[in-house]
Amino acid sequence: MNEQHEKIIFILNPVSGFFGIRRKKVERIIKKHIKKENLFGEIWYSNYAGHTTELVKKAVEECAKTVVIAGGDGSINEAARSLVYTDTALGIIPCGSGNGLANHLKIPFNIQKALHTIKEHFVRAADTIKINDQYAFSLAGIGLDALVAERYHLAKRRGFLSYMHSLLIEYVNFKPEAITIKTDSMEIEEKCVLIIFANSNQFGYNFRIAPQADLFDGYMDVVIVKKIPFISAPLSSIQIWTGYADKCLYLSSFKAKKVSIIRSLDGVMNVDGDPFKSGQNVEVEVLPASLKLIVPKKTTPTH
């Protein structure tokens, strides 16, 4: 095989989650790994929003066999946009705050162990979700979670406490939105807090909103969440965090390949933790087996 096709690019995002704290350590370990394994590898740096997408596109043009992202769900999203339907595989070193996709796939948070997973190079073809002109690789949504993503995106601090602070502020004042959901076989009109289009099972922090979601089944899980009364919030939160969201009385879900959403007003949508503007009409579809993803050999995502 041509040596160029064995090329591996590591992309570091210094503003991803807690990566600023770990940056020197991550860099040092990756450099040592490249040298030890005698890899045809390089480290590139993402310096601004959208830069990772550009860098990955360049890596694909240079016929890199593997691109490894050291970052969180937002960084993974930026990278994967340029990898859909290509022969270049995506590896992950979890360095974000929520790390929803890495949690779902059980990718080790230990840097050396994550690098060992990448070295084994066990590749599976994962689904992706296209939502209007954006791609989601973990999950997307409209409603409360999008407003939380927008507030969290502007927060000075990252991490679980900052996320929960954003969630509580938005939840107190949020009014359910009238939404129409259409598939080939049904139409639902509902006043809901949020609608999630799940490829993986969680937002991050093991907050498993869609316990049955599977990146490799050719479907997305559409989760509809109604307003949860404060008296029921503790039990509902426990059900979601322990993987029993499907037992919650205020959640319903179904699997689909394609859905159309009609909103009453323009708004924001959440795409892998980042906010994007959305019109009243939102088209969502699954692109089956469209992303080559490096996953642990002996680990199957649990629901």
C-alpha atoms as a PDB file:
ATOM      1  CA  MET A   1       0.000   0.000   0.000  1.00  0.00           C
ATOM      2  CA  ASN A   2       1.215   3.527  -0.790  1.00  0.00           C
ATOM      3  CA  GLU A   3       2.758   5.042   2.335  1.00  0.00           C
ATOM      4  CA  GLN A   4       0.684   8.186   1.907  1.00  0.00           C
ATOM      5  CA  HIS A   5      -2.483   6.218   2.549  1.00  0.00           C
ATOM      6  CA  GLU A   6      -1.143   5.296   6.005  1.00  0.00           C
ATOM      7  CA  LYS A   7      -0.919   8.975   6.965  1.00  0.00           C
ATOM      8  CA  ILE A   8      -2.560   9.881  10.283  1.00  0.00           C
ATOM      9  CA  ILE A   9      -3.432  13.455  11.231  1.00  0.00           C
ATOM     10  CA  PHE A  10      -4.066  14.476  14.852  1.00  0.00           C
ATOM     11  CA  ILE A  11      -6.075  17.695  15.200  1.00  0.00           C
ATOM     12  CA  LEU A  12      -6.065  19.507  18.533  1.00  0.00           C
ATOM     13  CA  ASN A  13      -8.692  22.062  19.524  1.00  0.00           C
ATOM     14  CA  PRO A  14      -7.368  24.182  22.418  1.00  0.00           C
ATOM     15  CA  VAL A  15     -10.791  25.657  23.289  1.00  0.00           C
ATOM     16  CA  SER A  16     -12.682  22.353  23.541  1.00  0.00           C
ATOM     17  CA  GLY A  17     -14.110  21.711  27.019  1.00  0.00           C
ATOM     18  CA  PHE A  18     -11.289  21.095  29.501  1.00  0.00           C
ATOM     19  CA  PHE A  19      -8.705  20.639  26.769  1.00  0.00           C
ATOM     20  CA  GLY A  20      -6.977  23.907  27.684  1.00  0.00           C
ATOM     21  CA  ILE A  21      -5.973  22.315  30.989  1.00  0.00           C
ATOM     22  CA  ARG A  22      -4.783  19.087  29.324  1.00  0.00           C
ATOM     23  CA  ARG A  23      -3.253  20.550  26.172  1.00  0.00           C
ATOM     24  CA  LYS A  24       0.439  20.114  26.961  1.00  0.00           C
ATOM     25  CA  LYS A  25      -0.162  16.624  28.330  1.00  0.00           C
ATOM     26  CA  VAL A  26      -2.177  15.552  25.269  1.00  0.00           C
ATOM     27  CA  GLU A  27       0.418  16.993  22.893  1.00  0.00           C
ATOM     28  CA  ARG A  28       3.274  15.301  24.735  1.00  0.00           C
ATOM     29  CA  ILE A  29       1.574  11.894  24.769  1.00  0.00           C
ATOM     30  CA  ILE A  30       0.603  12.077  21.081  1.00  0.00           C
ATOM     31  CA  LYS A  31       4.132  13.080  20.029  1.00  0.00           C
ATOM     32  CA  LYS A  32       5.560  10.207  22.065  1.00  0.00           C
ATOM     33  CA  HIS A  33       3.015   7.818  20.496  1.00  0.00           C
ATOM     34  CA  ILE A  34       3.898   8.926  16.951  1.00  0.00           C
ATOM     35  CA  LYS A  35       7.573   8.363  17.630  1.00  0.00           C
ATOM     36  CA  LYS A  36       7.140   5.061  19.469  1.00  0.00           C
ATOM     37  CA  GLU A  37       4.858   3.552  16.813  1.00  0.00           C
ATOM     38  CA  ASN A  38       6.932   5.019  13.965  1.00  0.00           C
ATOM     39  CA  LEU A  39       3.791   6.549  12.458  1.00  0.00           C
ATOM     40  CA  PHE A  40       3.567   8.683   9.357  1.00  0.00           C
ATOM     41  CA  GLY A  41       1.763  11.191  11.566  1.00  0.00           C
ATOM     42  CA  GLU A  42       1.389  14.922  12.048  1.00  0.00           C
ATOM     43  CA  ILE A  43      -0.242  17.210  14.629  1.00  0.00           C
ATOM     44  CA  TRP A  44      -2.344  20.083  13.300  1.00  0.00           C
ATOM     45  CA  TYR A  45      -4.019  22.822  15.335  1.00  0.00           C
ATOM     46  CA  SER A  46      -7.535  24.214  15.002  1.00  0.00           C
ATOM     47  CA  ASN A  47      -7.465  27.967  15.669  1.00  0.00           C
ATOM     48  CA  TYR A  48     -11.023  29.208  15.076  1.00  0.00           C
ATOM     49  CA  ALA A  49     -14.611  28.071  14.531  1.00  0.00           C
ATOM     50  CA  GLY A  50     -14.836  26.063  11.333  1.00  0.00           C
ATOM     51  CA  HIS A  51     -11.071  25.587  11.068  1.00  0.00           C
ATOM     52  CA  THR A  52     -11.272  21.891  11.964  1.00  0.00           C
ATOM     53  CA  THR A  53     -13.601  21.333   8.992  1.00  0.00           C
ATOM     54  CA  GLU A  54     -11.051  22.989   6.693  1.00  0.00           C
ATOM     55  CA  LEU A  55      -8.163  21.002   8.139  1.00  0.00           C
ATOM     56  CA  VAL A  56      -9.979  17.688   7.755  1.00  0.00           C
ATOM     57  CA  LYS A  57     -10.901  18.500   4.167  1.00  0.00           C
ATOM     58  CA  LYS A  58      -7.188  19.106   3.530  1.00  0.00           C
ATOM     59  CA  ALA A  59      -6.321  15.780   5.216  1.00  0.00           C
ATOM     60  CA  VAL A  60      -8.785  13.938   2.969  1.00  0.00           C
ATOM     61  CA  GLU A  61      -7.307  15.630  -0.111  1.00  0.00           C
ATOM     62  CA  GLU A  62      -3.884  14.411   1.045  1.00  0.00           C
ATOM     63  CA  CYS A  63      -5.274  10.860   1.256  1.00  0.00           C
ATOM     64  CA  ALA A  64      -4.834  10.529   5.017  1.00  0.00           C
ATOM     65  CA  LYS A  65      -5.964   7.110   6.215  1.00  0.00           C
ATOM     66  CA  THR A  66      -7.044   8.441   9.616  1.00  0.00           C
ATOM     67  CA  VAL A  67      -7.957  11.775  11.210  1.00  0.00           C
ATOM     68  CA  VAL A  68      -7.947  11.875  15.012  1.00  0.00           C
ATOM     69  CA  ILE A  69      -9.769  14.616  16.892  1.00  0.00           C
ATOM     70  CA  ALA A  70      -8.735  15.551  20.428  1.00  0.00           C
ATOM     71  CA  GLY A  71     -11.850  17.419  21.509  1.00  0.00           C
ATOM     72  CA  GLY A  72     -15.534  17.167  22.324  1.00  0.00           C
ATOM     73  CA  ASP A  73     -18.748  16.688  20.360  1.00  0.00           C
ATOM     74  CA  GLY A  74     -18.493  20.107  18.681  1.00  0.00           C
ATOM     75  CA  SER A  75     -14.965  19.388  17.444  1.00  0.00           C
ATOM     76  CA  ILE A  76     -16.011  15.913  16.293  1.00  0.00           C
ATOM     77  CA  ASN A  77     -18.904  17.479  14.374  1.00  0.00           C
ATOM     78  CA  GLU A  78     -16.614  19.967  12.626  1.00  0.00           C
ATOM     79  CA  ALA A  79     -14.288  17.143  11.619  1.00  0.00           C
ATOM     80  CA  ALA A  80     -16.912  14.645  10.538  1.00  0.00           C
ATOM     81  CA  ARG A  81     -18.607  17.120   8.175  1.00  0.00           C
ATOM     82  CA  SER A  82     -15.635  16.670   5.838  1.00  0.00           C
ATOM     83  CA  LEU A  83     -15.533  12.885   6.284  1.00  0.00           C
ATOM     84  CA  VAL A  84     -19.061  11.872   5.246  1.00  0.00           C
ATOM     85  CA  TYR A  85     -18.850   9.353   2.380  1.00  0.00           C
ATOM     86  CA  THR A  86     -15.029   9.401   2.309  1.00  0.00           C
ATOM     87  CA  ASP A  87     -12.508   6.601   2.869  1.00  0.00           C
ATOM     88  CA  THR A  88     -10.790   8.424   5.744  1.00  0.00           C
ATOM     89  CA  ALA A  89     -11.610   7.082   9.206  1.00  0.00           C
ATOM     90  CA  LEU A  90     -12.294   9.240  12.263  1.00  0.00           C
ATOM     91  CA  GLY A  91     -10.604   8.524  15.587  1.00  0.00           C
ATOM     92  CA  ILE A  92     -11.509  10.236  18.865  1.00  0.00           C
ATOM     93  CA  ILE A  93      -9.525  11.273  21.928  1.00  0.00           C
ATOM     94  CA  PRO A  94     -12.230  12.606  24.299  1.00  0.00           C
ATOM     95  CA  CYS A  95     -11.237  16.076  25.530  1.00  0.00           C
ATOM     96  CA  GLY A  96     -14.568  17.895  25.639  1.00  0.00           C
ATOM     97  CA  SER A  97     -16.867  18.677  28.525  1.00  0.00           C
ATOM     98  CA  GLY A  98     -19.883  16.448  27.812  1.00  0.00           C
ATOM     99  CA  ASN A  99     -18.302  13.923  25.390  1.00  0.00           C
ATOM    100  CA  GLY A 100     -21.650  12.377  24.455  1.00  0.00           C
ATOM    101  CA  LEU A 101     -20.458  10.439  21.407  1.00  0.00           C
ATOM    102  CA  ALA A 102     -17.355   9.080  23.160  1.00  0.00           C
ATOM    103  CA  ASN A 103     -19.478   8.023  26.151  1.00  0.00           C
ATOM    104  CA  HIS A 104     -21.927   6.233  23.878  1.00  0.00           C
ATOM    105  CA  LEU A 105     -19.157   4.367  22.051  1.00  0.00           C
ATOM    106  CA  LYS A 106     -17.236   3.661  25.285  1.00  0.00           C
ATOM    107  CA  ILE A 107     -14.087   5.240  23.920  1.00  0.00           C
ATOM    108  CA  PRO A 108     -11.587   5.446  26.810  1.00  0.00           C
ATOM    109  CA  PHE A 109     -11.031   8.870  28.384  1.00  0.00           C
ATOM    110  CA  ASN A 110      -7.486   7.853  29.274  1.00  0.00           C
ATOM    111  CA  ILE A 111      -5.297   9.291  26.498  1.00  0.00           C
ATOM    112  CA  GLN A 112      -3.035   6.257  26.139  1.00  0.00           C
ATOM    113  CA  LYS A 113      -6.005   3.895  26.033  1.00  0.00           C
ATOM    114  CA  ALA A 114      -7.754   6.067  23.440  1.00  0.00           C
ATOM    115  CA  LEU A 115      -4.583   5.957  21.334  1.00  0.00           C
ATOM    116  CA  HIS A 116      -4.505   2.167  21.702  1.00  0.00           C
ATOM    117  CA  THR A 117      -8.070   2.039  20.322  1.00  0.00           C
ATOM    118  CA  ILE A 118      -6.933   4.137  17.362  1.00  0.00           C
ATOM    119  CA  LYS A 119      -3.896   1.893  16.859  1.00  0.00           C
ATOM    120  CA  GLU A 120      -6.156  -1.202  16.667  1.00  0.00           C
ATOM    121  CA  HIS A 121      -8.043   0.633  13.895  1.00  0.00           C
ATOM    122  CA  PHE A 122     -11.311  -1.282  14.202  1.00  0.00           C
ATOM    123  CA  VAL A 123     -13.561   0.656  11.830  1.00  0.00           C
ATOM    124  CA  ARG A 124     -17.345   0.596  11.604  1.00  0.00           C
ATOM    125  CA  ALA A 125     -19.535   2.542   9.169  1.00  0.00           C
ATOM    126  CA  ALA A 126     -21.743   4.765  11.332  1.00  0.00           C
ATOM    127  CA  ASP A 127     -24.907   6.613  10.395  1.00  0.00           C
ATOM    128  CA  THR A 128     -25.086  10.389  10.314  1.00  0.00           C
ATOM    129  CA  ILE A 129     -28.077  12.702  10.520  1.00  0.00           C
ATOM    130  CA  LYS A 130     -28.629  15.553   8.098  1.00  0.00           C
ATOM    131  CA  ILE A 131     -30.755  18.353   9.538  1.00  0.00           C
ATOM    132  CA  ASN A 132     -31.423  21.024   6.893  1.00  0.00           C
ATOM    133  CA  ASP A 133     -27.904  21.990   5.746  1.00  0.00           C
ATOM    134  CA  GLN A 134     -26.150  20.741   8.907  1.00  0.00           C
ATOM    135  CA  TYR A 135     -24.822  17.319   9.925  1.00  0.00           C
ATOM    136  CA  ALA A 136     -25.321  15.769  13.367  1.00  0.00           C
ATOM    137  CA  PHE A 137     -23.252  12.788  14.452  1.00  0.00           C
ATOM    138  CA  SER A 138     -24.476  12.388  18.036  1.00  0.00           C
ATOM    139  CA  LEU A 139     -27.810  14.198  18.175  1.00  0.00           C
ATOM    140  CA  ALA A 140     -29.712  17.287  17.114  1.00  0.00           C
ATOM    141  CA  GLY A 141     -32.779  18.937  18.523  1.00  0.00           C
ATOM    142  CA  ILE A 142     -35.139  21.886  18.581  1.00  0.00           C
ATOM    143  CA  GLY A 143     -36.779  23.497  21.574  1.00  0.00           C
ATOM    144  CA  LEU A 144     -35.352  23.748  25.080  1.00  0.00           C
ATOM    145  CA  ASP A 145     -32.089  21.926  24.385  1.00  0.00           C
ATOM    146  CA  ALA A 146     -31.274  24.359  21.572  1.00  0.00           C
ATOM    147  CA  LEU A 147     -31.743  27.349  23.890  1.00  0.00           C
ATOM    148  CA  VAL A 148     -29.608  25.616  26.528  1.00  0.00           C
ATOM    149  CA  ALA A 149     -26.915  24.980  23.890  1.00  0.00           C
ATOM    150  CA  GLU A 150     -27.042  28.654  22.902  1.00  0.00           C
ATOM    151  CA  ARG A 151     -26.690  29.866  26.510  1.00  0.00           C
ATOM    152  CA  TYR A 152     -23.985  27.291  27.304  1.00  0.00           C
ATOM    153  CA  HIS A 153     -22.101  28.257  24.143  1.00  0.00           C
ATOM    154  CA  LEU A 154     -21.865  31.849  25.450  1.00  0.00           C
ATOM    155  CA  ALA A 155     -20.942  30.851  29.011  1.00  0.00           C
ATOM    156  CA  LYS A 156     -17.472  31.757  30.286  1.00  0.00           C
ATOM    157  CA  ARG A 157     -17.131  28.436  32.103  1.00  0.00           C
ATOM    158  CA  ARG A 158     -17.530  24.919  30.701  1.00  0.00           C
ATOM    159  CA  GLY A 159     -18.421  21.687  32.421  1.00  0.00           C
ATOM    160  CA  PHE A 160     -21.356  19.985  34.103  1.00  0.00           C
ATOM    161  CA  LEU A 161     -22.259  22.747  36.584  1.00  0.00           C
ATOM    162  CA  SER A 162     -22.275  25.390  33.863  1.00  0.00           C
ATOM    163  CA  TYR A 163     -24.461  23.145  31.687  1.00  0.00           C
ATOM    164  CA  MET A 164     -26.940  22.552  34.531  1.00  0.00           C
ATOM    165  CA  HIS A 165     -27.033  26.275  35.287  1.00  0.00           C
ATOM    166  CA  SER A 166     -27.929  26.989  31.646  1.00  0.00           C
ATOM    167  CA  LEU A 167     -30.561  24.227  31.706  1.00  0.00           C
ATOM    168  CA  LEU A 168     -32.277  25.490  34.869  1.00  0.00           C
ATOM    169  CA  ILE A 169     -32.409  29.113  33.692  1.00  0.00           C
ATOM    170  CA  GLU A 170     -33.962  28.181  30.346  1.00  0.00           C
ATOM    171  CA  TYR A 171     -36.330  25.571  31.809  1.00  0.00           C
ATOM    172  CA  VAL A 172     -37.948  27.939  34.315  1.00  0.00           C
ATOM    173  CA  ASN A 173     -39.076  30.385  31.622  1.00  0.00           C
ATOM    174  CA  PHE A 174     -39.613  27.999  28.711  1.00  0.00           C
ATOM    175  CA  LYS A 175     -43.068  27.711  27.156  1.00  0.00           C
ATOM    176  CA  PRO A 176     -43.865  24.560  25.140  1.00  0.00           C
ATOM    177  CA  GLU A 177     -43.795  25.116  21.389  1.00  0.00           C
ATOM    178  CA  ALA A 178     -46.513  23.956  18.993  1.00  0.00           C
ATOM    179  CA  ILE A 179     -44.836  21.639  16.490  1.00  0.00           C
ATOM    180  CA  THR A 180     -46.035  19.384  13.671  1.00  0.00           C
ATOM    181  CA  ILE A 181     -44.034  16.213  13.020  1.00  0.00           C
ATOM    182  CA  LYS A 182     -44.506  14.349   9.732  1.00  0.00           C
ATOM    183  CA  THR A 183     -43.175  11.009   8.533  1.00  0.00           C
ATOM    184  CA  ASP A 184     -44.202   8.835   5.588  1.00  0.00           C
ATOM    185  CA  SER A 185     -46.705   7.014   7.782  1.00  0.00           C
ATOM    186  CA  MET A 186     -47.972   9.510  10.360  1.00  0.00           C
ATOM    187  CA  GLU A 187     -48.463  13.121  11.416  1.00  0.00           C
ATOM    188  CA  ILE A 188     -48.230  14.347  15.002  1.00  0.00           C
ATOM    189  CA  GLU A 189     -49.228  17.769  16.343  1.00  0.00           C
ATOM    190  CA  GLU A 190     -47.815  18.386  19.785  1.00  0.00           C
ATOM    191  CA  LYS A 191     -46.957  21.115  22.230  1.00  0.00           C
ATOM    192  CA  CYS A 192     -43.560  20.029  23.456  1.00  0.00           C
ATOM    193  CA  VAL A 193     -40.495  21.221  25.302  1.00  0.00           C
ATOM    194  CA  LEU A 194     -38.099  19.669  22.834  1.00  0.00           C
ATOM    195  CA  ILE A 195     -37.727  17.178  20.018  1.00  0.00           C
ATOM    196  CA  ILE A 196     -34.506  15.212  19.790  1.00  0.00           C
ATOM    197  CA  PHE A 197     -33.161  13.454  16.699  1.00  0.00           C
ATOM    198  CA  ALA A 198     -30.800  10.943  18.262  1.00  0.00           C
ATOM    199  CA  ASN A 199     -28.023   9.033  16.533  1.00  0.00           C
ATOM    200  CA  SER A 200     -26.293   8.225  19.831  1.00  0.00           C
ATOM    201  CA  ASN A 201     -28.055   7.848  23.157  1.00  0.00           C
ATOM    202  CA  GLN A 202     -27.058  10.994  25.042  1.00  0.00           C
ATOM    203  CA  PHE A 203     -26.350  14.716  25.275  1.00  0.00           C
ATOM    204  CA  GLY A 204     -23.224  13.993  27.302  1.00  0.00           C
ATOM    205  CA  TYR A 205     -22.457  13.575  31.012  1.00  0.00           C
ATOM    206  CA  ASN A 206     -24.306  10.212  30.618  1.00  0.00           C
ATOM    207  CA  PHE A 207     -27.577  12.149  30.250  1.00  0.00           C
ATOM    208  CA  ARG A 208     -29.192   9.405  28.169  1.00  0.00           C
ATOM    209  CA  ILE A 209     -32.222  10.924  26.498  1.00  0.00           C
ATOM    210  CA  ALA A 210     -32.539   8.112  23.912  1.00  0.00           C
ATOM    211  CA  PRO A 211     -31.449   4.809  25.510  1.00  0.00           C
ATOM    212  CA  GLN A 212     -32.317   2.725  22.421  1.00  0.00           C
ATOM    213  CA  ALA A 213     -30.450   4.885  19.892  1.00  0.00           C
ATOM    214  CA  ASP A 214     -27.813   3.112  17.807  1.00  0.00           C
ATOM    215  CA  LEU A 215     -25.309   4.690  15.421  1.00  0.00           C
ATOM    216  CA  PHE A 216     -25.268   1.590  13.227  1.00  0.00           C
ATOM    217  CA  ASP A 217     -28.951   0.653  12.723  1.00  0.00           C
ATOM    218  CA  GLY A 218     -29.871   2.974   9.834  1.00  0.00           C
ATOM    219  CA  TYR A 219     -32.443   4.864  11.929  1.00  0.00           C
ATOM    220  CA  MET A 220     -32.637   7.883  14.200  1.00  0.00           C
ATOM    221  CA  ASP A 221     -34.611   7.886  17.427  1.00  0.00           C
ATOM    222  CA  VAL A 222     -37.075  10.785  17.483  1.00  0.00           C
ATOM    223  CA  VAL A 223     -37.744  11.733  21.108  1.00  0.00           C
ATOM    224  CA  ILE A 224     -40.617  14.065  22.026  1.00  0.00           C
ATOM    225  CA  VAL A 225     -40.458  15.643  25.489  1.00  0.00           C
ATOM    226  CA  LYS A 226     -43.445  17.349  27.083  1.00  0.00           C
ATOM    227  CA  LYS A 227     -43.253  19.862  29.929  1.00  0.00           C
ATOM    228  CA  ILE A 228     -42.261  18.041  33.114  1.00  0.00           C
ATOM    229  CA  PRO A 229     -43.901  19.421  36.292  1.00  0.00           C
ATOM    230  CA  PHE A 230     -41.417  20.425  38.991  1.00  0.00           C
ATOM    231  CA  ILE A 231     -42.831  17.776  41.335  1.00  0.00           C
ATOM    232  CA  SER A 232     -41.980  15.084  38.756  1.00  0.00           C
ATOM    233  CA  ALA A 233     -38.623  16.526  37.710  1.00  0.00           C
ATOM    234  CA  PRO A 234     -36.449  14.595  40.232  1.00  0.00           C
ATOM    235  CA  LEU A 235     -37.830  11.169  39.225  1.00  0.00           C
ATOM    236  CA  SER A 236     -37.722  12.018  35.519  1.00  0.00           C
ATOM    237  CA  SER A 237     -34.115  13.197  35.839  1.00  0.00           C
ATOM    238  CA  ILE A 238     -33.133   9.963  37.597  1.00  0.00           C
ATOM    239  CA  GLN A 239     -34.835   7.897  34.882  1.00  0.00           C
ATOM    240  CA  ILE A 240     -32.940   9.751  32.154  1.00  0.00           C
ATOM    241  CA  TRP A 241     -29.551   9.612  33.897  1.00  0.00           C
ATOM    242  CA  THR A 242     -29.864   5.909  34.666  1.00  0.00           C
ATOM    243  CA  GLY A 243     -30.806   4.933  31.106  1.00  0.00           C
ATOM    244  CA  TYR A 244     -34.551   4.540  31.620  1.00  0.00           C
ATOM    245  CA  ALA A 245     -35.793   7.615  29.749  1.00  0.00           C
ATOM    246  CA  ASP A 246     -38.240   5.354  27.904  1.00  0.00           C
ATOM    247  CA  LYS A 247     -39.995   4.802  31.267  1.00  0.00           C
ATOM    248  CA  CYS A 248     -40.589   8.531  31.770  1.00  0.00           C
ATOM    249  CA  LEU A 249     -44.253   9.515  31.400  1.00  0.00           C
ATOM    250  CA  TYR A 250     -43.364  12.796  29.706  1.00  0.00           C
ATOM    251  CA  LEU A 251     -41.226  11.286  26.938  1.00  0.00           C
ATOM    252  CA  SER A 252     -42.281   9.363  23.854  1.00  0.00           C
ATOM    253  CA  SER A 253     -40.135   8.138  20.992  1.00  0.00           C
ATOM    254  CA  PHE A 254     -40.126   6.318  17.676  1.00  0.00           C
ATOM    255  CA  LYS A 255     -37.550   5.305  15.072  1.00  0.00           C
ATOM    256  CA  ALA A 256     -37.507   6.913  11.640  1.00  0.00           C
ATOM    257  CA  LYS A 257     -35.354   7.378   8.571  1.00  0.00           C
ATOM    258  CA  LYS A 258     -36.775  10.782   7.664  1.00  0.00           C
ATOM    259  CA  VAL A 259     -38.990  13.377   9.375  1.00  0.00           C
ATOM    260  CA  SER A 260     -40.293  16.834   8.538  1.00  0.00           C
ATOM    261  CA  ILE A 261     -40.841  19.412  11.270  1.00  0.00           C
ATOM    262  CA  ILE A 262     -43.030  22.492  11.018  1.00  0.00           C
ATOM    263  CA  ARG A 263     -42.464  25.050  13.782  1.00  0.00           C
ATOM    264  CA  SER A 264     -44.752  27.930  14.666  1.00  0.00           C
ATOM    265  CA  LEU A 265     -41.822  30.377  14.566  1.00  0.00           C
ATOM    266  CA  ASP A 266     -38.208  30.563  13.459  1.00  0.00           C
ATOM    267  CA  GLY A 267     -35.822  29.523  16.210  1.00  0.00           C
ATOM    268  CA  VAL A 268     -32.597  27.822  17.195  1.00  0.00           C
ATOM    269  CA  MET A 269     -31.609  24.189  16.757  1.00  0.00           C
ATOM    270  CA  ASN A 270     -29.006  22.212  18.655  1.00  0.00           C
ATOM    271  CA  VAL A 271     -26.524  20.268  16.523  1.00  0.00           C
ATOM    272  CA  ASP A 272     -24.092  18.186  18.576  1.00  0.00           C
ATOM    273  CA  GLY A 273     -24.128  20.783  21.346  1.00  0.00           C
ATOM    274  CA  ASP A 274     -23.734  23.865  19.151  1.00  0.00           C
ATOM    275  CA  PRO A 275     -26.595  26.283  18.356  1.00  0.00           C
ATOM    276  CA  PHE A 276     -27.646  27.105  14.790  1.00  0.00           C
ATOM    277  CA  LYS A 277     -30.483  29.244  13.474  1.00  0.00           C
ATOM    278  CA  SER A 278     -33.490  27.387  12.080  1.00  0.00           C
ATOM    279  CA  GLY A 279     -36.458  28.398   9.994  1.00  0.00           C
ATOM    280  CA  GLN A 280     -39.992  27.099  10.512  1.00  0.00           C
ATOM    281  CA  ASN A 281     -39.410  24.087   8.268  1.00  0.00           C
ATOM    282  CA  VAL A 282     -36.819  21.537   9.362  1.00  0.00           C
ATOM    283  CA  GLU A 283     -35.997  18.457   7.270  1.00  0.00           C
ATOM    284  CA  VAL A 284     -34.182  15.623   9.046  1.00  0.00           C
ATOM    285  CA  GLU A 285     -32.925  12.407   7.462  1.00  0.00           C
ATOM    286  CA  VAL A 286     -30.540   9.553   8.224  1.00  0.00           C
ATOM    287  CA  LEU A 287     -27.551   8.905   5.986  1.00  0.00           C
ATOM    288  CA  PRO A 288     -26.872   5.215   6.686  1.00  0.00           C
ATOM    289  CA  ALA A 289     -23.295   3.925   7.038  1.00  0.00           C
ATOM    290  CA  SER A 290     -21.862   7.252   5.856  1.00  0.00           C
ATOM    291  CA  LEU A 291     -18.991   7.820   8.309  1.00  0.00           C
ATOM    292  CA  LYS A 292     -16.019   5.528   8.946  1.00  0.00           C
ATOM    293  CA  LEU A 293     -15.564   5.566  12.731  1.00  0.00           C
ATOM    294  CA  ILE A 294     -12.837   3.943  14.842  1.00  0.00           C
ATOM    295  CA  VAL A 295     -14.389   2.219  17.851  1.00  0.00           C
ATOM    296  CA  PRO A 296     -13.127  -0.140  20.587  1.00  0.00           C
ATOM    297  CA  LYS A 297     -12.865  -3.711  19.278  1.00  0.00           C
ATOM    298  CA  LYS A 298     -14.538  -5.454  22.180  1.00  0.00           C
ATOM    299  CA  THR A 299     -17.074  -2.794  23.077  1.00  0.00           C
ATOM    300  CA  THR A 300     -20.598  -2.585  21.778  1.00  0.00           C
ATOM    301  CA  PRO A 301     -22.497   0.593  22.761  1.00  0.00           C
ATOM    302  CA  THR A 302     -25.052  -0.162  25.472  1.00  0.00           C
ATOM    303  CA  HIS A 303     -28.508   1.324  25.645  1.00  0.00           C
END
